[in-house]
Amino acid sequence: MQPDVQKKINWTLELIATVERVLEKYFKHITNSSGVYEVRIEFASNIFRVFSFFDKGNLIILINGFQKKTQKIPRKELETAEKLKLEYLNKKYGK
């Protein structure tokens, strides 16, 4: 990954961690999901998405990312995020 892209990703994650209300442009709930959110990063003409979820309210767990090339969220990417979320919760809480 290019250093400038990584800087933008880091900036976006820092923004989400420090502001009280994050604009939907950067962080939004994915409809028809089990509490999965997407972090949206734009750099030049590229858009990157990182799926995440909340653990105990304030802790955001980042689970998988990809470069988005279409308006629609790729079904396979969302399925992967749901699977990773479930694995995390099962390991941490034994559910």
C-alpha atoms as a PDB file:
ATOM      1  CA  MET A   1       0.000   0.000   0.000  1.00  0.00           C
ATOM      2  CA  GLN A   2       1.250   3.467  -0.864  1.00  0.00           C
ATOM      3  CA  PRO A   3       2.483   5.574   2.072  1.00  0.00           C
ATOM      4  CA  ASP A   4       0.033   8.382   1.220  1.00  0.00           C
ATOM      5  CA  VAL A   5      -2.882   5.943   1.280  1.00  0.00           C
ATOM      6  CA  GLN A   6      -1.732   4.586   4.647  1.00  0.00           C
ATOM      7  CA  LYS A   7      -1.514   8.161   5.998  1.00  0.00           C
ATOM      8  CA  LYS A   8      -5.098   8.818   4.907  1.00  0.00           C
ATOM      9  CA  ILE A   9      -6.291   5.571   6.501  1.00  0.00           C
ATOM     10  CA  ASN A  10      -4.520   6.477   9.749  1.00  0.00           C
ATOM     11  CA  TRP A  11      -5.992  10.014   9.649  1.00  0.00           C
ATOM     12  CA  THR A  12      -9.517   8.634   9.170  1.00  0.00           C
ATOM     13  CA  LEU A  13      -9.141   6.123  12.017  1.00  0.00           C
ATOM     14  CA  GLU A  14      -7.793   8.871  14.293  1.00  0.00           C
ATOM     15  CA  LEU A  15     -10.770  11.061  13.383  1.00  0.00           C
ATOM     16  CA  ILE A  16     -13.218   8.294  14.295  1.00  0.00           C
ATOM     17  CA  ALA A  17     -11.390   7.689  17.584  1.00  0.00           C
ATOM     18  CA  THR A  18     -11.347  11.321  18.682  1.00  0.00           C
ATOM     19  CA  VAL A  19     -14.501  13.120  17.560  1.00  0.00           C
ATOM     20  CA  GLU A  20     -17.822  12.767  19.351  1.00  0.00           C
ATOM     21  CA  ARG A  21     -19.963  12.608  16.210  1.00  0.00           C
ATOM     22  CA  VAL A  22     -18.435  11.114  13.077  1.00  0.00           C
ATOM     23  CA  LEU A  23     -19.873  12.109   9.730  1.00  0.00           C
ATOM     24  CA  GLU A  24     -21.531   9.281   7.814  1.00  0.00           C
ATOM     25  CA  LYS A  25     -19.064  10.047   5.019  1.00  0.00           C
ATOM     26  CA  TYR A  26     -16.396   8.358   7.167  1.00  0.00           C
ATOM     27  CA  PHE A  27     -18.273   5.835   9.301  1.00  0.00           C
ATOM     28  CA  LYS A  28     -21.704   4.281   8.823  1.00  0.00           C
ATOM     29  CA  HIS A  29     -23.800   1.276   9.729  1.00  0.00           C
ATOM     30  CA  ILE A  30     -24.281  -1.320   7.005  1.00  0.00           C
ATOM     31  CA  THR A  31     -27.988  -2.018   6.593  1.00  0.00           C
ATOM     32  CA  ASN A  32     -28.991  -5.681   6.642  1.00  0.00           C
ATOM     33  CA  SER A  33     -25.978  -6.570   8.777  1.00  0.00           C
ATOM     34  CA  SER A  34     -25.553  -7.731  12.367  1.00  0.00           C
ATOM     35  CA  GLY A  35     -24.056  -4.464  13.577  1.00  0.00           C
ATOM     36  CA  VAL A  36     -21.286  -4.179  11.000  1.00  0.00           C
ATOM     37  CA  TYR A  37     -20.076  -0.666  10.167  1.00  0.00           C
ATOM     38  CA  GLU A  38     -17.848   0.576   7.396  1.00  0.00           C
ATOM     39  CA  VAL A  39     -14.987   3.003   7.683  1.00  0.00           C
ATOM     40  CA  ARG A  40     -14.760   4.831   4.359  1.00  0.00           C
ATOM     41  CA  ILE A  41     -11.466   6.241   3.138  1.00  0.00           C
ATOM     42  CA  GLU A  42     -11.146   8.270  -0.066  1.00  0.00           C
ATOM     43  CA  PHE A  43      -7.757   8.957  -1.572  1.00  0.00           C
ATOM     44  CA  ALA A  44      -7.398  10.492  -5.017  1.00  0.00           C
ATOM     45  CA  SER A  45      -9.862   8.501  -7.140  1.00  0.00           C
ATOM     46  CA  ASN A  46      -9.720   5.415  -4.911  1.00  0.00           C
ATOM     47  CA  ILE A  47     -12.148   4.392  -2.198  1.00  0.00           C
ATOM     48  CA  PHE A  48     -11.187   1.954   0.527  1.00  0.00           C
ATOM     49  CA  ARG A  49     -13.564   0.333   3.010  1.00  0.00           C
ATOM     50  CA  VAL A  50     -12.750  -1.266   6.335  1.00  0.00           C
ATOM     51  CA  PHE A  51     -15.522  -3.209   8.037  1.00  0.00           C
ATOM     52  CA  SER A  52     -15.752  -2.953  11.795  1.00  0.00           C
ATOM     53  CA  PHE A  53     -18.044  -3.454  14.769  1.00  0.00           C
ATOM     54  CA  PHE A  54     -18.397  -2.332  18.372  1.00  0.00           C
ATOM     55  CA  ASP A  55     -17.287  -4.433  21.312  1.00  0.00           C
ATOM     56  CA  LYS A  56     -18.732  -3.275  24.637  1.00  0.00           C
ATOM     57  CA  GLY A  57     -19.842   0.100  23.319  1.00  0.00           C
ATOM     58  CA  ASN A  58     -16.719   2.145  22.718  1.00  0.00           C
ATOM     59  CA  LEU A  59     -14.121  -0.284  21.419  1.00  0.00           C
ATOM     60  CA  ILE A  60     -14.202  -0.542  17.634  1.00  0.00           C
ATOM     61  CA  ILE A  61     -12.862  -3.771  16.162  1.00  0.00           C
ATOM     62  CA  LEU A  62     -11.559  -3.513  12.586  1.00  0.00           C
ATOM     63  CA  ILE A  63     -12.116  -6.811  10.787  1.00  0.00           C
ATOM     64  CA  ASN A  64     -11.421  -6.590   7.067  1.00  0.00           C
ATOM     65  CA  GLY A  65     -10.741  -4.032   4.382  1.00  0.00           C
ATOM     66  CA  PHE A  66     -10.804  -3.794   0.628  1.00  0.00           C
ATOM     67  CA  GLN A  67     -10.689  -1.332  -2.237  1.00  0.00           C
ATOM     68  CA  LYS A  68     -14.214  -0.635  -3.371  1.00  0.00           C
ATOM     69  CA  LYS A  69     -14.752  -0.360  -7.106  1.00  0.00           C
ATOM     70  CA  THR A  70     -18.559  -0.205  -7.291  1.00  0.00           C
ATOM     71  CA  GLN A  71     -21.374   1.585  -5.463  1.00  0.00           C
ATOM     72  CA  LYS A  72     -22.718  -1.672  -4.028  1.00  0.00           C
ATOM     73  CA  ILE A  73     -21.014  -3.425  -1.151  1.00  0.00           C
ATOM     74  CA  PRO A  74     -19.693  -6.744  -2.465  1.00  0.00           C
ATOM     75  CA  ARG A  75     -21.731  -9.515  -0.822  1.00  0.00           C
ATOM     76  CA  LYS A  76     -18.653 -11.692  -0.340  1.00  0.00           C
ATOM     77  CA  GLU A  77     -16.861  -8.918   1.579  1.00  0.00           C
ATOM     78  CA  LEU A  78     -19.831  -8.420   3.908  1.00  0.00           C
ATOM     79  CA  GLU A  79     -20.116 -12.188   4.457  1.00  0.00           C
ATOM     80  CA  THR A  80     -16.418 -12.275   5.357  1.00  0.00           C
ATOM     81  CA  ALA A  81     -16.933  -9.414   7.831  1.00  0.00           C
ATOM     82  CA  GLU A  82     -19.903 -11.165   9.453  1.00  0.00           C
ATOM     83  CA  LYS A  83     -17.882 -14.389   9.762  1.00  0.00           C
ATOM     84  CA  LEU A  84     -14.872 -12.602  11.295  1.00  0.00           C
ATOM     85  CA  LYS A  85     -17.108 -10.747  13.755  1.00  0.00           C
ATOM     86  CA  LEU A  86     -18.703 -14.003  14.885  1.00  0.00           C
ATOM     87  CA  GLU A  87     -15.287 -15.688  15.253  1.00  0.00           C
ATOM     88  CA  TYR A  88     -14.005 -12.781  17.353  1.00  0.00           C
ATOM     89  CA  LEU A  89     -17.034 -12.782  19.645  1.00  0.00           C
ATOM     90  CA  ASN A  90     -16.956 -16.582  20.026  1.00  0.00           C
ATOM     91  CA  LYS A  91     -13.281 -16.547  20.985  1.00  0.00           C
ATOM     92  CA  LYS A  92     -13.599 -13.605  23.364  1.00  0.00           C
ATOM     93  CA  TYR A  93     -16.900 -14.408  25.039  1.00  0.00           C
ATOM     94  CA  GLY A  94     -17.306 -18.134  24.335  1.00  0.00           C
ATOM     95  CA  LYS A  95     -20.714 -17.704  22.755  1.00  0.00           C
END
